[in-house]
Amino acid sequence: MHPDFSPGGGTYSSPQNVKLTSKTPDAVIYYTTDGSTPTAASTKYTGPVTVANSLTLKTIAVSPTMGTSVVSAASYVIQGSSSNPGFTLSGSTFTITWRGGVIHVPITVTPSGGFKGAVPLTCSVTAPAGAVSIPTCTISTQPPAITGTSPVKGYAYVQTVKTTTIANYTLKVQGTYNGVTSSVSIPFAVQ
């Protein structure tokens, strides 16, 4: 008598309207979408449940003649869900082999969840204790605005001087846009 899901749980590229049915004619179906166990006090099923974000749908059927069914669950993963647009930053480790030199470090901004917009980057350098003439960084090229699903690149400009301590440092790059923040820490060596 447990409820059936149509479509069943799985990974989908767009929101799904899930129909719940019970083979018991007098059964009433109740469901939850927050992971909690459904009871007769949960939301009563009256028509297809729109699943727009990744979640687990849990159901029970309550019948005056058959009692209460066991809990059924189906997990739905909605890819490209636009409910949580965001972005991630990434970059590769690098080495500065000439003190007094500069290096352009590409920073990749990868959108997710339908994110659109221009992400302004900031940067800083973390140095080991006792280091002197710590390398400086500026964002030399801000990444272009994201309009589709392709990653975009910006560049951090890391500057050393002749007296920079030979050591391992960390370049931290952060981007914030519309309340969404992402950062990447990129280790680098000055030799």
N, C-alpha and C. Protein backbone atom coordinates (compact mmCIF):
# COMPACT_ATOMS: atom_id res chain seq x y z
N MET A 1 0.82 -1.19 0.00
CA MET A 1 0.00 0.00 0.00
C MET A 1 0.86 1.25 0.00
N HIS A 2 2.21 1.08 0.15
CA HIS A 2 3.06 2.27 0.19
C HIS A 2 2.94 3.05 -1.12
N PRO A 3 3.09 4.39 -1.05
CA PRO A 3 2.91 5.22 -2.25
C PRO A 3 4.02 4.98 -3.28
N ASP A 4 3.64 5.11 -4.55
CA ASP A 4 4.60 5.02 -5.65
C ASP A 4 4.91 6.43 -6.14
N PHE A 5 6.14 6.61 -6.65
CA PHE A 5 6.61 7.91 -7.14
C PHE A 5 6.69 7.86 -8.67
N SER A 6 6.22 8.90 -9.33
CA SER A 6 6.36 8.98 -10.78
C SER A 6 6.64 10.43 -11.16
N PRO A 7 7.83 10.75 -11.74
CA PRO A 7 8.94 9.82 -11.96
C PRO A 7 9.60 9.44 -10.64
N GLY A 8 10.34 8.34 -10.67
CA GLY A 8 11.04 7.88 -9.48
C GLY A 8 12.24 8.75 -9.18
N GLY A 9 12.86 8.48 -8.03
CA GLY A 9 14.05 9.25 -7.64
C GLY A 9 15.15 9.10 -8.67
N GLY A 10 16.02 10.10 -8.74
CA GLY A 10 17.13 10.05 -9.69
C GLY A 10 17.69 11.43 -9.92
N THR A 11 18.54 11.54 -10.94
CA THR A 11 19.17 12.81 -11.29
C THR A 11 18.48 13.36 -12.54
N TYR A 12 18.04 14.61 -12.44
CA TYR A 12 17.32 15.24 -13.55
C TYR A 12 17.95 16.59 -13.84
N SER A 13 17.80 17.05 -15.09
CA SER A 13 18.40 18.34 -15.46
C SER A 13 17.43 19.49 -15.31
N SER A 14 16.18 19.19 -14.94
CA SER A 14 15.20 20.26 -14.75
C SER A 14 14.25 19.85 -13.63
N PRO A 15 13.49 20.82 -13.07
CA PRO A 15 12.54 20.48 -12.01
C PRO A 15 11.55 19.40 -12.47
N GLN A 16 11.09 18.60 -11.53
CA GLN A 16 10.17 17.50 -11.82
C GLN A 16 8.86 17.70 -11.07
N ASN A 17 7.76 17.31 -11.70
CA ASN A 17 6.47 17.24 -11.02
C ASN A 17 6.22 15.78 -10.69
N VAL A 18 6.29 15.47 -9.41
CA VAL A 18 6.24 14.07 -8.98
C VAL A 18 4.81 13.72 -8.57
N LYS A 19 4.27 12.69 -9.23
CA LYS A 19 2.94 12.19 -8.87
C LYS A 19 3.11 11.07 -7.85
N LEU A 20 2.25 11.10 -6.84
CA LEU A 20 2.26 10.06 -5.81
C LEU A 20 0.96 9.28 -5.93
N THR A 21 1.07 7.96 -5.96
CA THR A 21 -0.14 7.14 -6.07
C THR A 21 -0.04 5.98 -5.08
N SER A 22 -1.21 5.52 -4.65
CA SER A 22 -1.28 4.35 -3.77
C SER A 22 -2.26 3.37 -4.38
N LYS A 23 -1.92 2.08 -4.31
CA LYS A 23 -2.80 1.05 -4.85
C LYS A 23 -4.00 0.81 -3.93
N THR A 24 -3.97 1.40 -2.72
CA THR A 24 -5.10 1.24 -1.79
C THR A 24 -6.10 2.36 -2.06
N PRO A 25 -7.32 2.02 -2.50
CA PRO A 25 -8.26 3.06 -2.96
C PRO A 25 -8.59 4.12 -1.91
N ASP A 26 -8.70 3.72 -0.62
CA ASP A 26 -9.13 4.71 0.38
C ASP A 26 -7.96 5.37 1.11
N ALA A 27 -6.75 5.18 0.61
CA ALA A 27 -5.57 5.73 1.29
C ALA A 27 -5.40 7.22 0.99
N VAL A 28 -4.96 7.97 2.01
CA VAL A 28 -4.59 9.37 1.85
C VAL A 28 -3.06 9.41 2.00
N ILE A 29 -2.39 10.12 1.07
CA ILE A 29 -0.92 10.18 1.07
C ILE A 29 -0.48 11.48 1.74
N TYR A 30 0.50 11.36 2.63
CA TYR A 30 1.13 12.53 3.27
C TYR A 30 2.61 12.49 2.92
N TYR A 31 3.22 13.69 2.83
CA TYR A 31 4.64 13.71 2.43
C TYR A 31 5.40 14.84 3.13
N THR A 32 6.74 14.67 3.13
CA THR A 32 7.66 15.73 3.60
C THR A 32 8.76 15.88 2.56
N THR A 33 9.37 17.09 2.53
CA THR A 33 10.49 17.34 1.62
C THR A 33 11.73 17.79 2.38
N ASP A 34 11.65 17.83 3.71
CA ASP A 34 12.79 18.33 4.50
C ASP A 34 13.59 17.21 5.15
N GLY A 35 13.30 15.96 4.76
CA GLY A 35 14.05 14.84 5.33
C GLY A 35 13.42 14.25 6.57
N SER A 36 12.37 14.91 7.11
CA SER A 36 11.74 14.38 8.33
C SER A 36 10.78 13.24 7.97
N THR A 37 10.42 12.45 8.97
CA THR A 37 9.52 11.32 8.75
C THR A 37 8.08 11.83 8.66
N PRO A 38 7.37 11.48 7.58
CA PRO A 38 6.00 11.97 7.44
C PRO A 38 5.04 11.30 8.41
N THR A 39 4.01 12.05 8.81
CA THR A 39 2.94 11.54 9.67
C THR A 39 1.63 12.05 9.09
N ALA A 40 0.54 11.70 9.71
CA ALA A 40 -0.76 12.18 9.26
C ALA A 40 -0.90 13.69 9.47
N ALA A 41 0.05 14.30 10.18
CA ALA A 41 0.04 15.76 10.37
C ALA A 41 0.90 16.46 9.31
N SER A 42 1.57 15.69 8.44
CA SER A 42 2.41 16.28 7.39
C SER A 42 1.54 16.82 6.26
N THR A 43 2.20 17.34 5.22
CA THR A 43 1.46 17.89 4.08
C THR A 43 0.68 16.79 3.37
N LYS A 44 -0.61 17.05 3.17
CA LYS A 44 -1.46 16.07 2.48
C LYS A 44 -1.26 16.21 0.98
N TYR A 45 -1.10 15.07 0.30
CA TYR A 45 -0.90 15.09 -1.15
C TYR A 45 -2.23 15.40 -1.85
N THR A 46 -2.23 16.48 -2.67
CA THR A 46 -3.45 16.84 -3.39
C THR A 46 -3.19 16.91 -4.89
N GLY A 47 -1.93 16.88 -5.30
CA GLY A 47 -1.58 16.96 -6.71
C GLY A 47 -0.08 16.87 -6.83
N PRO A 48 0.46 16.83 -8.04
CA PRO A 48 1.90 16.62 -8.22
C PRO A 48 2.75 17.57 -7.36
N VAL A 49 3.81 17.02 -6.79
CA VAL A 49 4.73 17.78 -5.96
C VAL A 49 5.84 18.31 -6.88
N THR A 50 6.02 19.63 -6.92
CA THR A 50 7.08 20.19 -7.75
C THR A 50 8.40 20.10 -6.99
N VAL A 51 9.35 19.38 -7.60
CA VAL A 51 10.69 19.23 -7.01
C VAL A 51 11.64 20.07 -7.86
N ALA A 52 11.95 21.29 -7.36
CA ALA A 52 12.79 22.21 -8.13
C ALA A 52 14.24 22.17 -7.67
N ASN A 53 14.47 21.68 -6.43
CA ASN A 53 15.83 21.60 -5.89
C ASN A 53 16.08 20.17 -5.46
N SER A 54 17.35 19.84 -5.28
CA SER A 54 17.70 18.49 -4.84
C SER A 54 17.15 18.26 -3.43
N LEU A 55 16.40 17.15 -3.28
CA LEU A 55 15.81 16.83 -1.97
C LEU A 55 15.39 15.37 -1.94
N THR A 56 15.02 14.92 -0.74
CA THR A 56 14.46 13.58 -0.58
C THR A 56 12.99 13.74 -0.22
N LEU A 57 12.15 13.12 -1.03
CA LEU A 57 10.70 13.14 -0.82
C LEU A 57 10.35 11.88 -0.03
N LYS A 58 9.70 12.06 1.13
CA LYS A 58 9.29 10.91 1.95
C LYS A 58 7.77 10.90 2.05
N THR A 59 7.20 9.69 1.94
CA THR A 59 5.74 9.59 1.92
C THR A 59 5.25 8.44 2.82
N ILE A 60 3.99 8.58 3.23
CA ILE A 60 3.27 7.46 3.85
C ILE A 60 1.85 7.49 3.27
N ALA A 61 1.21 6.35 3.31
CA ALA A 61 -0.21 6.27 2.95
C ALA A 61 -0.97 5.88 4.22
N VAL A 62 -2.06 6.59 4.49
CA VAL A 62 -2.89 6.28 5.66
C VAL A 62 -4.27 5.86 5.16
N SER A 63 -4.65 4.64 5.53
CA SER A 63 -5.92 4.09 5.08
C SER A 63 -6.77 3.70 6.28
N PRO A 64 -8.08 4.05 6.28
CA PRO A 64 -8.93 3.65 7.39
C PRO A 64 -9.07 2.13 7.50
N THR A 65 -8.90 1.42 6.38
CA THR A 65 -9.07 -0.04 6.40
C THR A 65 -7.74 -0.78 6.58
N MET A 66 -6.65 -0.21 6.05
CA MET A 66 -5.35 -0.92 6.06
C MET A 66 -4.35 -0.34 7.07
N GLY A 67 -4.67 0.80 7.69
CA GLY A 67 -3.72 1.40 8.62
C GLY A 67 -2.73 2.29 7.89
N THR A 68 -1.55 2.47 8.52
CA THR A 68 -0.53 3.36 7.98
C THR A 68 0.58 2.53 7.34
N SER A 69 0.99 2.95 6.13
CA SER A 69 2.05 2.22 5.42
C SER A 69 3.41 2.52 6.04
N VAL A 70 4.41 1.78 5.59
CA VAL A 70 5.79 2.11 5.94
C VAL A 70 6.17 3.38 5.16
N VAL A 71 7.21 4.06 5.62
CA VAL A 71 7.66 5.28 4.94
C VAL A 71 8.37 4.89 3.64
N SER A 72 8.02 5.55 2.56
CA SER A 72 8.74 5.40 1.29
C SER A 72 9.52 6.68 1.05
N ALA A 73 10.67 6.54 0.41
CA ALA A 73 11.49 7.73 0.14
C ALA A 73 12.07 7.64 -1.26
N ALA A 74 12.20 8.78 -1.90
CA ALA A 74 12.86 8.87 -3.20
C ALA A 74 13.70 10.14 -3.19
N SER A 75 14.96 10.00 -3.59
CA SER A 75 15.86 11.16 -3.62
C SER A 75 15.95 11.70 -5.04
N TYR A 76 15.84 13.02 -5.14
CA TYR A 76 15.91 13.69 -6.43
C TYR A 76 17.10 14.64 -6.43
N VAL A 77 17.91 14.55 -7.48
CA VAL A 77 19.02 15.49 -7.66
C VAL A 77 18.68 16.31 -8.90
N ILE A 78 18.52 17.62 -8.69
CA ILE A 78 18.20 18.51 -9.81
C ILE A 78 19.49 19.25 -10.16
N GLN A 79 20.06 18.92 -11.30
CA GLN A 79 21.32 19.55 -11.71
C GLN A 79 21.04 20.89 -12.36
N GLY A 80 21.98 21.81 -12.18
CA GLY A 80 21.81 23.13 -12.77
C GLY A 80 20.66 23.88 -12.12
N SER A 81 20.33 23.48 -10.90
CA SER A 81 19.26 24.14 -10.17
C SER A 81 19.66 25.59 -9.96
N SER A 82 18.78 26.51 -10.30
CA SER A 82 19.15 27.92 -10.21
C SER A 82 18.87 28.48 -8.83
N SER A 83 18.56 27.60 -7.87
CA SER A 83 18.24 28.12 -6.54
C SER A 83 19.50 28.57 -5.80
N ASN A 84 20.64 28.02 -6.13
CA ASN A 84 21.87 28.39 -5.43
C ASN A 84 22.94 28.81 -6.43
N PRO A 85 22.72 29.91 -7.15
CA PRO A 85 23.76 30.32 -8.07
C PRO A 85 25.02 30.71 -7.30
N GLY A 86 26.15 30.33 -7.81
CA GLY A 86 27.40 30.64 -7.14
C GLY A 86 28.56 30.49 -8.10
N PHE A 87 29.76 30.52 -7.54
CA PHE A 87 30.96 30.38 -8.35
C PHE A 87 32.08 29.85 -7.46
N THR A 88 33.07 29.28 -8.10
CA THR A 88 34.27 28.84 -7.38
C THR A 88 35.48 29.46 -8.06
N LEU A 89 36.52 29.70 -7.26
CA LEU A 89 37.78 30.24 -7.77
C LEU A 89 38.82 29.13 -7.74
N SER A 90 39.71 29.14 -8.73
CA SER A 90 40.80 28.16 -8.72
C SER A 90 42.03 28.76 -9.38
N GLY A 91 43.17 28.21 -9.03
CA GLY A 91 44.44 28.65 -9.60
C GLY A 91 45.49 27.59 -9.32
N SER A 92 46.63 27.68 -9.99
CA SER A 92 47.68 26.67 -9.85
C SER A 92 48.88 27.22 -9.09
N THR A 93 49.53 26.31 -8.36
CA THR A 93 50.76 26.63 -7.65
C THR A 93 51.80 27.17 -8.65
N PHE A 94 52.62 28.11 -8.18
CA PHE A 94 53.65 28.65 -9.07
C PHE A 94 54.91 28.94 -8.26
N THR A 95 56.00 29.21 -8.96
CA THR A 95 57.28 29.52 -8.32
C THR A 95 57.85 30.80 -8.95
N ILE A 96 58.33 31.68 -8.08
CA ILE A 96 59.04 32.88 -8.57
C ILE A 96 60.53 32.59 -8.39
N THR A 97 61.24 32.49 -9.51
CA THR A 97 62.65 32.08 -9.45
C THR A 97 63.61 33.25 -9.48
N TRP A 98 63.09 34.44 -9.64
CA TRP A 98 63.95 35.61 -9.72
C TRP A 98 63.41 36.68 -8.79
N ARG A 99 64.10 36.91 -7.67
CA ARG A 99 63.64 37.93 -6.73
C ARG A 99 63.78 39.30 -7.39
N GLY A 100 62.72 40.06 -7.33
CA GLY A 100 62.66 41.31 -8.07
C GLY A 100 61.76 41.15 -9.29
N GLY A 101 61.32 39.91 -9.51
CA GLY A 101 60.46 39.65 -10.66
C GLY A 101 58.98 39.72 -10.30
N VAL A 102 58.16 39.68 -11.34
CA VAL A 102 56.71 39.65 -11.16
C VAL A 102 56.17 38.46 -11.93
N ILE A 103 55.02 38.00 -11.52
CA ILE A 103 54.39 36.90 -12.25
C ILE A 103 52.90 37.19 -12.33
N HIS A 104 52.32 36.89 -13.49
CA HIS A 104 50.87 36.98 -13.67
C HIS A 104 50.29 35.60 -13.38
N VAL A 105 49.39 35.53 -12.42
CA VAL A 105 48.81 34.26 -12.01
C VAL A 105 47.36 34.22 -12.49
N PRO A 106 47.03 33.27 -13.40
CA PRO A 106 45.63 33.19 -13.84
C PRO A 106 44.73 32.65 -12.73
N ILE A 107 43.60 33.31 -12.53
CA ILE A 107 42.60 32.88 -11.55
C ILE A 107 41.33 32.56 -12.35
N THR A 108 40.86 31.33 -12.24
CA THR A 108 39.68 30.91 -12.98
C THR A 108 38.44 31.03 -12.10
N VAL A 109 37.40 31.67 -12.64
CA VAL A 109 36.12 31.80 -11.96
C VAL A 109 35.14 30.88 -12.69
N THR A 110 34.65 29.84 -11.99
CA THR A 110 33.76 28.86 -12.60
C THR A 110 32.35 29.03 -12.03
N PRO A 111 31.36 29.36 -12.89
CA PRO A 111 30.00 29.56 -12.39
C PRO A 111 29.28 28.24 -12.14
N SER A 112 28.28 28.27 -11.26
CA SER A 112 27.43 27.10 -11.05
C SER A 112 26.01 27.58 -10.75
N GLY A 113 25.04 26.73 -11.00
CA GLY A 113 23.65 27.03 -10.65
C GLY A 113 23.07 28.22 -11.39
N GLY A 114 23.57 28.48 -12.61
CA GLY A 114 23.01 29.59 -13.38
C GLY A 114 23.54 30.95 -12.98
N PHE A 115 24.69 30.98 -12.29
CA PHE A 115 25.27 32.26 -11.85
C PHE A 115 25.58 33.15 -13.05
N LYS A 116 25.26 34.44 -12.91
CA LYS A 116 25.59 35.44 -13.92
C LYS A 116 26.13 36.67 -13.20
N GLY A 117 27.09 37.34 -13.84
CA GLY A 117 27.58 38.60 -13.27
C GLY A 117 29.10 38.67 -13.29
N ALA A 118 29.61 39.85 -12.96
CA ALA A 118 31.05 40.08 -12.91
C ALA A 118 31.50 39.98 -11.45
N VAL A 119 32.48 39.14 -11.20
CA VAL A 119 32.97 38.90 -9.84
C VAL A 119 34.24 39.72 -9.62
N PRO A 120 34.20 40.77 -8.78
CA PRO A 120 35.43 41.50 -8.50
C PRO A 120 36.33 40.70 -7.58
N LEU A 121 37.61 40.62 -7.93
CA LEU A 121 38.57 39.84 -7.14
C LEU A 121 39.42 40.77 -6.29
N THR A 122 39.83 40.27 -5.11
CA THR A 122 40.82 40.94 -4.27
C THR A 122 41.86 39.89 -3.92
N CYS A 123 43.06 40.33 -3.53
CA CYS A 123 44.09 39.35 -3.20
C CYS A 123 44.96 39.82 -2.04
N SER A 124 45.58 38.85 -1.40
CA SER A 124 46.54 39.14 -0.33
C SER A 124 47.57 38.02 -0.32
N VAL A 125 48.71 38.29 0.32
CA VAL A 125 49.79 37.29 0.43
C VAL A 125 50.05 37.02 1.89
N THR A 126 50.09 35.73 2.24
CA THR A 126 50.43 35.31 3.59
C THR A 126 51.87 34.82 3.58
N ALA A 127 52.65 35.29 4.55
CA ALA A 127 54.07 34.96 4.59
C ALA A 127 54.40 34.20 5.86
N PRO A 128 55.48 33.39 5.84
CA PRO A 128 55.92 32.73 7.07
C PRO A 128 56.48 33.75 8.04
N ALA A 129 56.52 33.40 9.32
CA ALA A 129 57.05 34.30 10.35
C ALA A 129 58.49 34.66 10.01
N GLY A 130 58.81 35.92 10.20
CA GLY A 130 60.20 36.36 10.01
C GLY A 130 60.54 36.76 8.58
N ALA A 131 59.66 36.53 7.64
CA ALA A 131 59.96 36.90 6.25
C ALA A 131 59.97 38.41 6.11
N VAL A 132 60.84 38.91 5.26
CA VAL A 132 60.91 40.35 5.02
C VAL A 132 60.66 40.62 3.54
N SER A 133 60.32 41.87 3.26
CA SER A 133 60.01 42.27 1.88
C SER A 133 59.02 41.28 1.25
N ILE A 134 57.92 41.07 1.98
CA ILE A 134 56.91 40.10 1.56
C ILE A 134 56.38 40.47 0.17
N PRO A 135 56.19 39.47 -0.70
CA PRO A 135 55.64 39.77 -2.03
C PRO A 135 54.30 40.49 -1.91
N THR A 136 54.03 41.35 -2.86
CA THR A 136 52.75 42.07 -2.88
C THR A 136 51.92 41.54 -4.04
N CYS A 137 50.61 41.74 -3.95
CA CYS A 137 49.77 41.32 -5.07
C CYS A 137 48.74 42.39 -5.36
N THR A 138 48.39 42.47 -6.62
CA THR A 138 47.27 43.29 -7.06
C THR A 138 46.53 42.47 -8.11
N ILE A 139 45.28 42.77 -8.31
CA ILE A 139 44.55 42.11 -9.39
C ILE A 139 44.83 42.94 -10.64
N SER A 140 45.57 42.37 -11.57
CA SER A 140 45.94 43.14 -12.77
C SER A 140 44.84 43.13 -13.80
N THR A 141 44.07 42.03 -13.88
CA THR A 141 42.96 41.95 -14.82
C THR A 141 41.77 41.34 -14.12
N GLN A 142 40.70 42.11 -13.96
CA GLN A 142 39.47 41.55 -13.38
C GLN A 142 38.84 40.63 -14.42
N PRO A 143 38.22 39.53 -13.96
CA PRO A 143 37.59 38.63 -14.93
C PRO A 143 36.39 39.30 -15.59
N PRO A 144 36.11 38.95 -16.86
CA PRO A 144 34.92 39.51 -17.51
C PRO A 144 33.65 38.96 -16.86
N ALA A 145 32.54 39.60 -17.15
CA ALA A 145 31.26 39.15 -16.58
C ALA A 145 30.93 37.76 -17.11
N ILE A 146 30.35 36.95 -16.24
CA ILE A 146 29.90 35.61 -16.62
C ILE A 146 28.49 35.75 -17.19
N THR A 147 28.30 35.28 -18.43
CA THR A 147 27.00 35.38 -19.06
C THR A 147 26.43 34.00 -19.39
N GLY A 148 27.27 32.98 -19.41
CA GLY A 148 26.81 31.63 -19.74
C GLY A 148 27.29 30.65 -18.68
N THR A 149 27.72 29.47 -19.13
CA THR A 149 28.20 28.45 -18.19
C THR A 149 29.71 28.28 -18.25
N SER A 150 30.38 29.04 -19.13
CA SER A 150 31.83 28.88 -19.28
C SER A 150 32.59 29.64 -18.21
N PRO A 151 33.70 29.04 -17.70
CA PRO A 151 34.55 29.75 -16.75
C PRO A 151 35.20 30.96 -17.42
N VAL A 152 35.55 31.97 -16.61
CA VAL A 152 36.28 33.14 -17.09
C VAL A 152 37.56 33.27 -16.27
N LYS A 153 38.52 34.04 -16.80
CA LYS A 153 39.81 34.19 -16.10
C LYS A 153 40.09 35.65 -15.77
N GLY A 154 40.68 35.84 -14.59
CA GLY A 154 41.26 37.11 -14.21
C GLY A 154 42.72 36.83 -13.88
N TYR A 155 43.50 37.88 -13.63
CA TYR A 155 44.92 37.68 -13.33
C TYR A 155 45.34 38.46 -12.09
N ALA A 156 46.07 37.77 -11.21
CA ALA A 156 46.70 38.42 -10.07
C ALA A 156 48.16 38.67 -10.45
N TYR A 157 48.67 39.77 -10.01
CA TYR A 157 50.03 40.21 -10.35
C TYR A 157 50.81 40.15 -9.05
N VAL A 158 51.77 39.23 -8.94
CA VAL A 158 52.54 39.07 -7.70
C VAL A 158 53.95 39.64 -7.93
N GLN A 159 54.34 40.57 -7.06
CA GLN A 159 55.60 41.30 -7.21
C GLN A 159 56.54 40.95 -6.07
N THR A 160 57.81 40.67 -6.39
CA THR A 160 58.84 40.48 -5.36
C THR A 160 59.90 41.56 -5.55
N VAL A 161 60.73 41.69 -4.52
CA VAL A 161 61.88 42.60 -4.61
C VAL A 161 63.13 41.81 -4.29
N LYS A 162 64.30 42.41 -4.53
CA LYS A 162 65.57 41.69 -4.34
C LYS A 162 65.76 41.17 -2.92
N THR A 163 65.12 41.86 -1.94
CA THR A 163 65.31 41.45 -0.55
C THR A 163 64.20 40.54 -0.02
N THR A 164 63.30 40.10 -0.92
CA THR A 164 62.24 39.18 -0.49
C THR A 164 62.86 37.90 0.05
N THR A 165 62.41 37.47 1.23
CA THR A 165 62.92 36.24 1.85
C THR A 165 62.59 35.04 0.96
N ILE A 166 63.58 34.16 0.76
CA ILE A 166 63.34 32.90 0.04
C ILE A 166 62.53 32.00 0.97
N ALA A 167 61.30 31.69 0.56
CA ALA A 167 60.41 30.93 1.43
C ALA A 167 59.18 30.49 0.63
N ASN A 168 58.28 29.79 1.33
CA ASN A 168 56.99 29.41 0.76
C ASN A 168 55.94 30.39 1.27
N TYR A 169 55.12 30.90 0.37
CA TYR A 169 54.08 31.87 0.67
C TYR A 169 52.73 31.34 0.20
N THR A 170 51.68 32.08 0.51
CA THR A 170 50.35 31.72 0.01
C THR A 170 49.69 32.97 -0.56
N LEU A 171 49.23 32.84 -1.79
CA LEU A 171 48.44 33.89 -2.43
C LEU A 171 46.98 33.54 -2.20
N LYS A 172 46.25 34.45 -1.54
CA LYS A 172 44.81 34.22 -1.32
C LYS A 172 44.05 35.18 -2.21
N VAL A 173 43.16 34.63 -3.02
CA VAL A 173 42.33 35.45 -3.90
C VAL A 173 40.88 35.20 -3.50
N GLN A 174 40.13 36.31 -3.35
CA GLN A 174 38.74 36.20 -2.94
C GLN A 174 37.87 36.97 -3.92
N GLY A 175 36.69 36.43 -4.18
CA GLY A 175 35.70 37.11 -5.01
C GLY A 175 34.38 37.16 -4.27
N THR A 176 33.69 38.29 -4.34
CA THR A 176 32.38 38.42 -3.70
C THR A 176 31.45 39.10 -4.68
N TYR A 177 30.26 38.53 -4.85
CA TYR A 177 29.27 39.13 -5.74
C TYR A 177 27.89 38.76 -5.22
N ASN A 178 27.05 39.77 -5.00
CA ASN A 178 25.66 39.53 -4.61
C ASN A 178 25.54 38.62 -3.39
N GLY A 179 26.41 38.77 -2.41
CA GLY A 179 26.33 37.96 -1.20
C GLY A 179 26.97 36.59 -1.32
N VAL A 180 27.47 36.23 -2.50
CA VAL A 180 28.16 34.95 -2.68
C VAL A 180 29.65 35.21 -2.64
N THR A 181 30.37 34.48 -1.78
CA THR A 181 31.81 34.67 -1.65
C THR A 181 32.52 33.34 -1.89
N SER A 182 33.63 33.39 -2.60
CA SER A 182 34.45 32.20 -2.79
C SER A 182 35.90 32.66 -2.73
N SER A 183 36.77 31.79 -2.25
CA SER A 183 38.19 32.15 -2.23
C SER A 183 39.03 30.93 -2.56
N VAL A 184 40.27 31.20 -2.95
CA VAL A 184 41.22 30.12 -3.22
C VAL A 184 42.56 30.54 -2.63
N SER A 185 43.22 29.57 -2.01
CA SER A 185 44.57 29.81 -1.48
C SER A 185 45.56 29.04 -2.35
N ILE A 186 46.50 29.77 -2.93
CA ILE A 186 47.44 29.17 -3.89
C ILE A 186 48.84 29.25 -3.28
N PRO A 187 49.44 28.09 -2.94
CA PRO A 187 50.81 28.13 -2.42
C PRO A 187 51.80 28.51 -3.52
N PHE A 188 52.81 29.28 -3.15
CA PHE A 188 53.86 29.55 -4.13
C PHE A 188 55.19 29.71 -3.40
N ALA A 189 56.26 29.49 -4.15
CA ALA A 189 57.61 29.57 -3.58
C ALA A 189 58.37 30.72 -4.22
N VAL A 190 59.18 31.37 -3.39
CA VAL A 190 60.16 32.35 -3.91
C VAL A 190 61.52 31.69 -3.69
N GLN A 191 62.28 31.53 -4.78
CA GLN A 191 63.56 30.81 -4.67
C GLN A 191 64.73 31.75 -4.94
